[in-house]
Amino acid sequence: MKAGARVKTDRRDAVMLAKLHGAGELTAVWVADAAHEAMRDTGRRFI
């Protein structure tokens, strides 16, 4: 990477995300809410 390419800007991030999305390189993720985390914690105690 060139030194100037390392500077973080919202515009550059948006362009990169658009390119990755167009290429199908992004993966969907799911963030657990507090209730799901509590269920996971409960399950860990019994293992």
Protein backbone atom coordinates (compact mmCIF):
# COMPACT_ATOMS: atom_id res chain seq x y z
CA MET A 1 0.00 0.00 0.00
CA LYS A 2 1.09 3.50 -0.69
CA ALA A 3 1.55 5.75 2.33
CA GLY A 4 -1.39 7.96 1.30
CA ALA A 5 -3.69 4.95 1.02
CA ARG A 6 -3.35 4.24 4.75
CA VAL A 7 -5.17 7.44 5.74
CA LYS A 8 -8.62 6.54 7.02
CA THR A 9 -11.47 8.56 5.60
CA ASP A 10 -15.17 7.83 5.40
CA ARG A 11 -15.16 8.38 1.64
CA ARG A 12 -12.35 5.88 1.04
CA ASP A 13 -13.99 3.36 3.35
CA ALA A 14 -17.30 3.76 1.50
CA VAL A 15 -15.65 3.26 -1.88
CA MET A 16 -13.82 0.16 -0.66
CA LEU A 17 -17.00 -1.30 0.86
CA ALA A 18 -18.87 -0.66 -2.39
CA LYS A 19 -16.16 -2.45 -4.38
CA LEU A 20 -16.15 -5.40 -1.98
CA HIS A 21 -19.95 -5.60 -2.04
CA GLY A 22 -19.99 -5.54 -5.84
CA ALA A 23 -17.44 -8.34 -5.94
CA GLY A 24 -19.41 -10.44 -3.45
CA GLU A 25 -16.55 -10.41 -0.96
CA LEU A 26 -18.54 -9.31 2.09
CA THR A 27 -19.99 -11.78 4.58
CA ALA A 28 -23.11 -11.07 6.60
CA VAL A 29 -22.71 -11.25 10.38
CA TRP A 30 -25.17 -11.38 13.24
CA VAL A 31 -24.51 -9.63 16.54
CA ALA A 32 -26.12 -11.35 19.50
CA ASP A 33 -28.30 -9.25 21.79
CA ALA A 34 -28.20 -9.42 25.59
CA ALA A 35 -30.81 -12.21 25.77
CA HIS A 36 -28.88 -14.47 23.40
CA GLU A 37 -25.61 -13.78 25.22
CA ALA A 38 -27.29 -14.75 28.50
CA MET A 39 -28.41 -18.05 26.94
CA ARG A 40 -24.86 -18.71 25.70
CA ASP A 41 -23.44 -17.97 29.14
CA THR A 42 -25.92 -20.37 30.72
CA GLY A 43 -24.96 -23.08 28.24
CA ARG A 44 -21.25 -22.61 28.97
CA ARG A 45 -21.77 -23.28 32.66
CA PHE A 46 -23.03 -26.79 31.99
CA ILE A 47 -20.22 -27.83 29.68
